[in-house]
């Protein structure tokens, strides 16, 4: 499903968040991680190259990034977060130093959908509770990416 800022922008604005147009975030259940080789091959076939590979020492919530450079000024980055059950919730990891395990309620057992750029995508459900859990009660107010600090502003609890 669409995840983080991509889900926020798609739902709230029907567009990418300000300053976030080159970054697409998706979440995939960890049970599909064994498909990573096929996912990587599919990305290559679509012109994306594998970038960052993050793995937490506990083995939870790995992340993979892929990029496609269109020209000197334009590129797109796709971040795939493998969400993982952890301590009775779902977890993803913000790979800062040190990595921060972020806990979120299980908004991933059923999905809502959103129309985004002419396609229908899954988004966490219920989406407004998910957005509040990640961005706080003010999630409806757009904030440019340059003014957003993941390590401080994200509301998901840190383990």
N, C-alpha and C. Protein backbone atom coordinates (compact mmCIF):
# COMPACT_ATOMS: atom_id res chain seq x y z
N UNK A 1 0.85 -1.19 0.00
CA UNK A 1 0.00 0.00 0.00
C UNK A 1 0.89 1.24 0.00
N UNK A 2 0.30 2.36 -0.36
CA UNK A 2 1.03 3.62 -0.23
C UNK A 2 1.31 3.84 1.25
N UNK A 3 2.40 4.48 1.56
CA UNK A 3 2.88 4.56 2.94
C UNK A 3 3.45 5.94 3.19
N UNK A 4 3.50 6.33 4.43
CA UNK A 4 4.13 7.57 4.90
C UNK A 4 3.67 8.77 4.07
N UNK A 5 4.62 9.61 3.61
CA UNK A 5 4.26 10.84 2.91
C UNK A 5 3.51 10.62 1.62
N UNK A 6 3.71 9.49 0.97
CA UNK A 6 2.98 9.22 -0.26
C UNK A 6 1.51 8.99 0.05
N UNK A 7 1.21 8.22 1.10
CA UNK A 7 -0.18 8.02 1.51
C UNK A 7 -0.81 9.34 1.95
N UNK A 8 -0.05 10.12 2.70
CA UNK A 8 -0.53 11.42 3.17
C UNK A 8 -0.90 12.31 1.99
N UNK A 9 0.02 12.49 1.06
CA UNK A 9 -0.25 13.36 -0.07
C UNK A 9 -1.38 12.85 -0.95
N UNK A 10 -1.40 11.56 -1.22
CA UNK A 10 -2.45 10.99 -2.07
C UNK A 10 -3.82 11.21 -1.46
N UNK A 11 -3.93 10.97 -0.15
CA UNK A 11 -5.23 11.11 0.52
C UNK A 11 -5.61 12.57 0.74
N UNK A 12 -4.69 13.34 1.30
CA UNK A 12 -5.01 14.72 1.67
C UNK A 12 -5.09 15.65 0.48
N UNK A 13 -4.11 15.53 -0.44
CA UNK A 13 -3.98 16.51 -1.50
C UNK A 13 -4.34 15.99 -2.89
N UNK A 14 -4.41 14.66 -3.03
CA UNK A 14 -4.57 14.09 -4.36
C UNK A 14 -3.32 14.30 -5.19
N UNK A 15 -2.20 14.53 -4.51
CA UNK A 15 -0.93 14.82 -5.17
C UNK A 15 0.19 14.48 -4.18
N UNK A 16 1.41 14.60 -4.64
CA UNK A 16 2.53 14.41 -3.73
C UNK A 16 2.61 15.60 -2.78
N UNK A 17 3.15 15.37 -1.59
CA UNK A 17 3.37 16.46 -0.64
C UNK A 17 4.43 17.40 -1.20
N UNK A 18 4.38 18.65 -0.80
CA UNK A 18 5.35 19.64 -1.25
C UNK A 18 6.79 19.18 -0.99
N UNK A 19 7.61 19.20 -2.02
CA UNK A 19 9.00 18.81 -1.88
C UNK A 19 9.22 17.30 -1.87
N UNK A 20 8.16 16.53 -2.06
CA UNK A 20 8.25 15.06 -1.93
C UNK A 20 7.89 14.35 -3.23
N UNK A 21 7.86 15.09 -4.34
CA UNK A 21 7.38 14.52 -5.59
C UNK A 21 8.30 13.44 -6.16
N UNK A 22 9.57 13.42 -5.75
CA UNK A 22 10.50 12.44 -6.31
C UNK A 22 10.69 11.23 -5.40
N UNK A 23 9.85 11.11 -4.36
CA UNK A 23 10.02 10.05 -3.37
C UNK A 23 8.69 9.33 -3.18
N UNK A 24 8.66 8.05 -3.50
CA UNK A 24 7.45 7.24 -3.34
C UNK A 24 7.71 6.20 -2.26
N UNK A 25 6.83 6.16 -1.27
CA UNK A 25 6.96 5.22 -0.17
C UNK A 25 5.83 4.20 -0.25
N UNK A 26 6.20 2.92 -0.19
CA UNK A 26 5.19 1.87 -0.12
C UNK A 26 5.54 0.93 1.02
N UNK A 27 4.51 0.30 1.57
CA UNK A 27 4.68 -0.69 2.63
C UNK A 27 4.24 -2.05 2.10
N UNK A 28 5.03 -3.06 2.44
CA UNK A 28 4.73 -4.43 2.07
C UNK A 28 4.88 -5.27 3.33
N UNK A 29 3.96 -6.19 3.54
CA UNK A 29 4.06 -7.09 4.69
C UNK A 29 5.34 -7.91 4.59
N UNK A 30 6.00 -8.10 5.71
CA UNK A 30 7.26 -8.83 5.77
C UNK A 30 7.13 -10.25 5.21
N UNK A 31 5.93 -10.81 5.21
CA UNK A 31 5.77 -12.18 4.70
C UNK A 31 6.11 -12.27 3.21
N UNK A 32 6.20 -11.12 2.53
CA UNK A 32 6.57 -11.11 1.12
C UNK A 32 8.06 -10.83 0.89
N UNK A 33 8.83 -10.72 1.96
CA UNK A 33 10.24 -10.40 1.80
C UNK A 33 10.97 -11.47 1.00
N UNK A 34 10.49 -12.70 1.05
CA UNK A 34 11.14 -13.76 0.27
C UNK A 34 10.97 -13.53 -1.23
N UNK A 35 10.17 -12.57 -1.62
CA UNK A 35 9.99 -12.21 -3.04
C UNK A 35 10.94 -11.08 -3.46
N UNK A 36 11.86 -10.70 -2.58
CA UNK A 36 12.74 -9.55 -2.84
C UNK A 36 13.53 -9.70 -4.13
N UNK A 37 14.02 -10.89 -4.43
CA UNK A 37 14.78 -11.08 -5.67
C UNK A 37 13.90 -10.81 -6.89
N UNK A 38 12.66 -11.29 -6.86
CA UNK A 38 11.74 -11.04 -7.98
C UNK A 38 11.35 -9.56 -8.05
N UNK A 39 11.18 -8.93 -6.89
CA UNK A 39 10.86 -7.50 -6.86
C UNK A 39 12.02 -6.71 -7.47
N UNK A 40 13.24 -7.04 -7.07
CA UNK A 40 14.42 -6.35 -7.60
C UNK A 40 14.52 -6.53 -9.10
N UNK A 41 14.29 -7.71 -9.59
CA UNK A 41 14.34 -7.96 -11.04
C UNK A 41 13.26 -7.17 -11.77
N UNK A 42 12.07 -7.11 -11.20
CA UNK A 42 11.00 -6.32 -11.80
C UNK A 42 11.37 -4.84 -11.84
N UNK A 43 11.98 -4.35 -10.78
CA UNK A 43 12.42 -2.94 -10.76
C UNK A 43 13.44 -2.69 -11.87
N UNK A 44 14.38 -3.60 -12.02
CA UNK A 44 15.40 -3.46 -13.09
C UNK A 44 14.75 -3.42 -14.46
N UNK A 45 13.77 -4.30 -14.68
CA UNK A 45 13.08 -4.34 -15.97
C UNK A 45 12.34 -3.05 -16.26
N UNK A 46 11.99 -2.31 -15.20
CA UNK A 46 11.29 -1.03 -15.36
C UNK A 46 12.24 0.17 -15.23
N UNK A 47 13.53 -0.10 -15.35
CA UNK A 47 14.50 0.99 -15.40
C UNK A 47 14.96 1.54 -14.07
N UNK A 48 14.65 0.86 -12.97
CA UNK A 48 15.10 1.32 -11.66
C UNK A 48 16.31 0.52 -11.22
N UNK A 49 17.21 1.17 -10.53
CA UNK A 49 18.39 0.49 -10.00
C UNK A 49 18.28 0.42 -8.49
N UNK A 50 18.82 -0.66 -7.94
CA UNK A 50 18.76 -0.82 -6.49
C UNK A 50 19.72 0.16 -5.85
N UNK A 51 19.23 0.82 -4.81
CA UNK A 51 20.04 1.78 -4.08
C UNK A 51 20.30 1.26 -2.69
N UNK A 52 19.85 2.00 -1.72
CA UNK A 52 20.10 1.67 -0.32
C UNK A 52 19.43 0.37 0.08
N UNK A 53 20.14 -0.37 0.90
CA UNK A 53 19.62 -1.61 1.49
C UNK A 53 19.82 -1.46 2.99
N UNK A 54 18.72 -1.47 3.73
CA UNK A 54 18.79 -1.32 5.18
C UNK A 54 18.24 -2.57 5.84
N UNK A 55 18.96 -3.05 6.82
CA UNK A 55 18.52 -4.20 7.60
C UNK A 55 18.83 -3.92 9.06
N UNK A 56 17.81 -4.01 9.89
CA UNK A 56 17.98 -3.78 11.32
C UNK A 56 18.70 -4.97 11.95
N UNK A 57 19.55 -4.73 12.95
CA UNK A 57 20.25 -5.84 13.62
C UNK A 57 19.31 -6.93 14.17
N UNK A 58 18.08 -6.56 14.52
CA UNK A 58 17.12 -7.54 15.02
C UNK A 58 16.41 -8.28 13.88
N UNK A 59 16.69 -7.88 12.64
CA UNK A 59 16.07 -8.53 11.50
C UNK A 59 14.66 -8.07 11.19
N UNK A 60 14.21 -7.02 11.86
CA UNK A 60 12.85 -6.54 11.60
C UNK A 60 12.86 -5.40 10.59
N UNK A 61 11.77 -5.28 9.89
CA UNK A 61 11.47 -4.14 9.02
C UNK A 61 12.61 -3.72 8.10
N UNK A 62 13.09 -4.62 7.24
CA UNK A 62 14.10 -4.19 6.27
C UNK A 62 13.51 -3.17 5.30
N UNK A 63 14.38 -2.41 4.69
CA UNK A 63 13.96 -1.40 3.71
C UNK A 63 14.84 -1.52 2.49
N UNK A 64 14.25 -1.34 1.32
CA UNK A 64 14.99 -1.33 0.07
C UNK A 64 14.61 -0.07 -0.70
N UNK A 65 15.57 0.52 -1.36
CA UNK A 65 15.33 1.72 -2.15
C UNK A 65 15.77 1.47 -3.59
N UNK A 66 15.02 2.02 -4.50
CA UNK A 66 15.31 1.93 -5.93
C UNK A 66 15.19 3.33 -6.52
N UNK A 67 16.01 3.62 -7.51
CA UNK A 67 15.95 4.93 -8.16
C UNK A 67 15.92 4.78 -9.67
N UNK A 68 15.37 5.78 -10.30
CA UNK A 68 15.42 5.88 -11.75
C UNK A 68 15.75 7.32 -12.09
N UNK A 69 16.83 7.49 -12.82
CA UNK A 69 17.27 8.81 -13.24
C UNK A 69 16.75 9.05 -14.65
N UNK A 70 15.94 10.08 -14.84
CA UNK A 70 15.38 10.38 -16.15
C UNK A 70 16.30 11.30 -16.94
N UNK A 71 16.85 12.30 -16.27
CA UNK A 71 17.83 13.21 -16.86
C UNK A 71 18.59 13.85 -15.71
N UNK A 72 19.41 14.85 -15.98
CA UNK A 72 20.26 15.43 -14.94
C UNK A 72 19.46 16.03 -13.78
N UNK A 73 18.23 16.48 -14.06
CA UNK A 73 17.43 17.13 -13.02
C UNK A 73 16.33 16.24 -12.45
N UNK A 74 15.91 15.23 -13.18
CA UNK A 74 14.75 14.45 -12.76
C UNK A 74 15.11 13.01 -12.41
N UNK A 75 14.66 12.61 -11.25
CA UNK A 75 14.80 11.23 -10.82
C UNK A 75 13.63 10.89 -9.93
N UNK A 76 13.42 9.62 -9.72
CA UNK A 76 12.41 9.16 -8.77
C UNK A 76 13.05 8.11 -7.88
N UNK A 77 12.67 8.12 -6.62
CA UNK A 77 13.17 7.15 -5.65
C UNK A 77 11.97 6.42 -5.07
N UNK A 78 12.05 5.10 -5.08
CA UNK A 78 11.01 4.26 -4.52
C UNK A 78 11.56 3.59 -3.28
N UNK A 79 10.93 3.84 -2.14
CA UNK A 79 11.33 3.20 -0.88
C UNK A 79 10.29 2.13 -0.55
N UNK A 80 10.77 0.91 -0.35
CA UNK A 80 9.90 -0.19 0.04
C UNK A 80 10.19 -0.53 1.49
N UNK A 81 9.20 -0.33 2.34
CA UNK A 81 9.30 -0.64 3.76
C UNK A 81 8.58 -1.96 4.00
N UNK A 82 9.30 -2.93 4.51
CA UNK A 82 8.69 -4.21 4.87
C UNK A 82 8.26 -4.13 6.32
N UNK A 83 6.96 -3.88 6.52
CA UNK A 83 6.45 -3.74 7.88
C UNK A 83 6.39 -5.11 8.55
N UNK A 84 6.69 -5.11 9.84
CA UNK A 84 6.91 -6.35 10.58
C UNK A 84 6.14 -6.33 11.89
N UNK A 85 5.47 -7.42 12.26
CA UNK A 85 4.89 -7.47 13.61
C UNK A 85 6.02 -7.41 14.64
N UNK A 86 5.82 -6.57 15.66
CA UNK A 86 6.83 -6.40 16.69
C UNK A 86 6.15 -5.85 17.94
N UNK A 87 6.32 -6.51 19.04
CA UNK A 87 5.74 -6.09 20.32
C UNK A 87 4.23 -5.84 20.24
N UNK A 88 3.52 -6.68 19.52
CA UNK A 88 2.07 -6.59 19.44
C UNK A 88 1.54 -5.52 18.50
N UNK A 89 2.42 -4.83 17.80
CA UNK A 89 2.01 -3.83 16.82
C UNK A 89 2.74 -4.11 15.52
N UNK A 90 2.60 -3.24 14.57
CA UNK A 90 3.39 -3.33 13.35
C UNK A 90 4.54 -2.34 13.49
N UNK A 91 5.68 -2.67 12.91
CA UNK A 91 6.86 -1.81 13.04
C UNK A 91 7.45 -1.51 11.67
N UNK A 92 8.01 -0.34 11.56
CA UNK A 92 8.89 0.02 10.46
C UNK A 92 10.08 0.70 11.10
N UNK A 93 11.15 0.82 10.36
CA UNK A 93 12.36 1.38 10.94
C UNK A 93 12.76 2.62 10.17
N UNK A 94 13.02 3.70 10.91
CA UNK A 94 13.63 4.89 10.34
C UNK A 94 15.12 4.70 10.50
N UNK A 95 15.82 4.52 9.39
CA UNK A 95 17.24 4.17 9.45
C UNK A 95 18.12 5.39 9.61
N UNK A 96 18.05 5.96 10.81
CA UNK A 96 18.95 7.04 11.22
C UNK A 96 20.07 6.40 12.02
N UNK A 97 20.89 7.19 12.64
CA UNK A 97 21.92 6.65 13.54
C UNK A 97 21.59 7.05 14.97
N UNK A 98 21.21 6.16 15.82
CA UNK A 98 20.95 4.75 15.56
C UNK A 98 19.58 4.58 14.91
N UNK A 99 19.32 3.43 14.29
CA UNK A 99 18.00 3.18 13.69
C UNK A 99 16.90 3.29 14.75
N UNK A 100 15.76 3.86 14.35
CA UNK A 100 14.63 4.02 15.25
C UNK A 100 13.50 3.09 14.82
N UNK A 101 13.13 2.16 15.69
CA UNK A 101 11.99 1.30 15.40
C UNK A 101 10.74 2.10 15.74
N UNK A 102 9.86 2.27 14.76
CA UNK A 102 8.61 3.01 14.95
C UNK A 102 7.46 2.01 14.98
N UNK A 103 6.63 2.10 16.01
CA UNK A 103 5.49 1.20 16.15
C UNK A 103 4.22 1.90 15.67
N UNK A 104 3.43 1.17 14.92
CA UNK A 104 2.14 1.68 14.47
C UNK A 104 1.12 0.58 14.67
N UNK A 105 -0.12 0.98 14.95
CA UNK A 105 -1.17 -0.01 15.08
C UNK A 105 -1.34 -0.73 13.74
N UNK A 106 -2.09 -1.79 13.77
CA UNK A 106 -2.22 -2.60 12.57
C UNK A 106 -3.25 -1.99 11.62
N UNK A 107 -2.79 -1.07 10.80
CA UNK A 107 -3.62 -0.45 9.76
C UNK A 107 -3.46 -1.20 8.44
N UNK A 108 -2.92 -2.41 8.51
CA UNK A 108 -2.53 -3.12 7.29
C UNK A 108 -3.20 -4.48 7.15
N UNK A 109 -4.26 -4.74 7.92
CA UNK A 109 -4.98 -6.00 7.74
C UNK A 109 -6.12 -5.84 6.75
N UNK A 110 -6.59 -4.63 6.59
CA UNK A 110 -7.54 -4.30 5.55
C UNK A 110 -7.13 -2.92 5.03
N UNK A 111 -7.54 -2.61 3.84
CA UNK A 111 -7.10 -1.37 3.23
C UNK A 111 -8.27 -0.56 2.74
N UNK A 112 -8.07 0.73 2.68
CA UNK A 112 -8.92 1.63 1.94
C UNK A 112 -8.23 1.83 0.60
N UNK A 113 -8.87 2.54 -0.30
CA UNK A 113 -8.23 2.84 -1.57
C UNK A 113 -8.32 4.34 -1.83
N UNK A 114 -7.44 4.80 -2.70
CA UNK A 114 -7.43 6.20 -3.10
C UNK A 114 -7.09 6.26 -4.59
N UNK A 115 -7.73 7.18 -5.28
CA UNK A 115 -7.38 7.45 -6.68
C UNK A 115 -6.21 8.42 -6.68
N UNK A 116 -5.17 8.04 -7.40
CA UNK A 116 -3.94 8.85 -7.38
C UNK A 116 -3.32 8.75 -8.76
N UNK A 117 -3.23 9.88 -9.43
CA UNK A 117 -2.67 9.93 -10.78
C UNK A 117 -3.34 8.92 -11.71
N UNK A 118 -4.67 8.84 -11.63
CA UNK A 118 -5.43 8.01 -12.54
C UNK A 118 -5.44 6.52 -12.24
N UNK A 119 -4.85 6.12 -11.12
CA UNK A 119 -4.82 4.71 -10.72
C UNK A 119 -5.41 4.57 -9.32
N UNK A 120 -5.85 3.38 -8.99
CA UNK A 120 -6.37 3.09 -7.66
C UNK A 120 -5.30 2.37 -6.86
N UNK A 121 -5.01 2.88 -5.67
CA UNK A 121 -3.98 2.31 -4.80
C UNK A 121 -4.56 1.98 -3.43
N UNK A 122 -4.01 0.97 -2.79
CA UNK A 122 -4.33 0.68 -1.40
C UNK A 122 -3.65 1.71 -0.51
N UNK A 123 -4.34 2.06 0.57
CA UNK A 123 -3.78 2.90 1.62
C UNK A 123 -4.17 2.28 2.96
N UNK A 124 -3.41 2.55 4.01
CA UNK A 124 -3.76 1.99 5.32
C UNK A 124 -5.18 2.37 5.72
N UNK A 125 -5.79 1.53 6.56
CA UNK A 125 -7.17 1.78 6.98
C UNK A 125 -7.31 1.54 8.48
N UNK A 126 -8.03 2.43 9.14
CA UNK A 126 -8.63 3.66 8.65
C UNK A 126 -7.56 4.73 8.44
N UNK A 127 -7.58 5.33 7.28
CA UNK A 127 -6.49 6.22 6.86
C UNK A 127 -6.32 7.42 7.77
N UNK A 128 -7.40 8.02 8.24
CA UNK A 128 -7.24 9.22 9.06
C UNK A 128 -6.60 8.90 10.41
N UNK A 129 -6.92 7.75 10.99
CA UNK A 129 -6.26 7.35 12.23
C UNK A 129 -4.79 7.04 11.99
N UNK A 130 -4.48 6.40 10.87
CA UNK A 130 -3.09 6.13 10.50
C UNK A 130 -2.31 7.44 10.35
N UNK A 131 -2.88 8.41 9.63
CA UNK A 131 -2.19 9.68 9.41
C UNK A 131 -1.99 10.43 10.73
N UNK A 132 -2.98 10.40 11.59
CA UNK A 132 -2.83 11.05 12.90
C UNK A 132 -1.75 10.37 13.72
N UNK A 133 -1.69 9.04 13.66
CA UNK A 133 -0.67 8.30 14.42
C UNK A 133 0.73 8.65 13.94
N UNK A 134 0.89 8.93 12.66
CA UNK A 134 2.21 9.25 12.12
C UNK A 134 2.53 10.74 12.13
N UNK A 135 1.53 11.58 11.89
CA UNK A 135 1.79 13.01 11.69
C UNK A 135 1.15 13.92 12.73
N UNK A 136 0.42 13.34 13.68
CA UNK A 136 -0.21 14.15 14.70
C UNK A 136 -1.56 14.70 14.24
N UNK A 137 -2.20 15.41 15.14
CA UNK A 137 -3.55 15.93 14.87
C UNK A 137 -3.56 16.97 13.75
N UNK A 138 -2.43 17.55 13.44
CA UNK A 138 -2.36 18.59 12.41
C UNK A 138 -2.00 18.05 11.02
N UNK A 139 -2.21 16.76 10.79
CA UNK A 139 -1.81 16.16 9.51
C UNK A 139 -2.52 16.79 8.32
N UNK A 140 -3.64 17.45 8.55
CA UNK A 140 -4.37 18.08 7.44
C UNK A 140 -3.69 19.35 6.94
N UNK A 141 -2.78 19.91 7.74
CA UNK A 141 -2.08 21.13 7.37
C UNK A 141 -0.80 20.77 6.62
N UNK A 142 -0.72 21.15 5.33
CA UNK A 142 0.49 20.82 4.57
C UNK A 142 1.74 21.48 5.14
N UNK A 143 2.82 20.69 5.19
CA UNK A 143 4.13 21.18 5.61
C UNK A 143 5.11 20.75 4.54
N UNK A 144 5.92 21.67 4.04
CA UNK A 144 6.91 21.32 3.02
C UNK A 144 7.93 20.36 3.61
N UNK A 145 8.37 19.44 2.80
CA UNK A 145 9.30 18.41 3.25
C UNK A 145 10.54 19.01 3.94
N UNK A 146 11.02 20.15 3.47
CA UNK A 146 12.21 20.76 4.06
C UNK A 146 11.97 21.21 5.50
N UNK A 147 10.71 21.35 5.88
CA UNK A 147 10.38 21.76 7.25
C UNK A 147 9.96 20.58 8.12
N UNK A 148 10.06 19.38 7.59
CA UNK A 148 9.64 18.17 8.30
C UNK A 148 10.88 17.41 8.74
N UNK A 149 10.95 17.03 10.00
CA UNK A 149 12.08 16.27 10.53
C UNK A 149 11.58 14.91 10.99
N UNK A 150 11.89 13.86 10.22
CA UNK A 150 11.43 12.51 10.57
C UNK A 150 11.88 12.11 11.97
N UNK A 151 13.10 12.45 12.30
CA UNK A 151 13.61 12.00 13.59
C UNK A 151 12.94 12.69 14.77
N UNK A 152 12.28 13.82 14.53
CA UNK A 152 11.64 14.54 15.62
C UNK A 152 10.13 14.69 15.45
N UNK A 153 9.66 14.85 14.21
CA UNK A 153 8.25 15.19 13.98
C UNK A 153 7.32 14.01 13.82
N UNK A 154 7.81 12.86 13.43
CA UNK A 154 6.94 11.70 13.26
C UNK A 154 6.38 11.30 14.62
N UNK A 155 5.08 11.07 14.68
CA UNK A 155 4.40 10.79 15.94
C UNK A 155 4.39 9.32 16.34
N UNK A 156 4.76 8.42 15.43
CA UNK A 156 4.75 6.99 15.78
C UNK A 156 5.73 6.74 16.92
N UNK A 157 5.29 5.99 17.92
CA UNK A 157 6.17 5.74 19.07
C UNK A 157 7.48 5.04 18.66
N UNK A 158 8.54 5.42 19.34
CA UNK A 158 9.87 4.81 19.12
C UNK A 158 10.09 3.77 20.18
N UNK A 159 10.58 2.60 19.79
CA UNK A 159 10.88 1.55 20.75
C UNK A 159 12.27 1.81 21.29
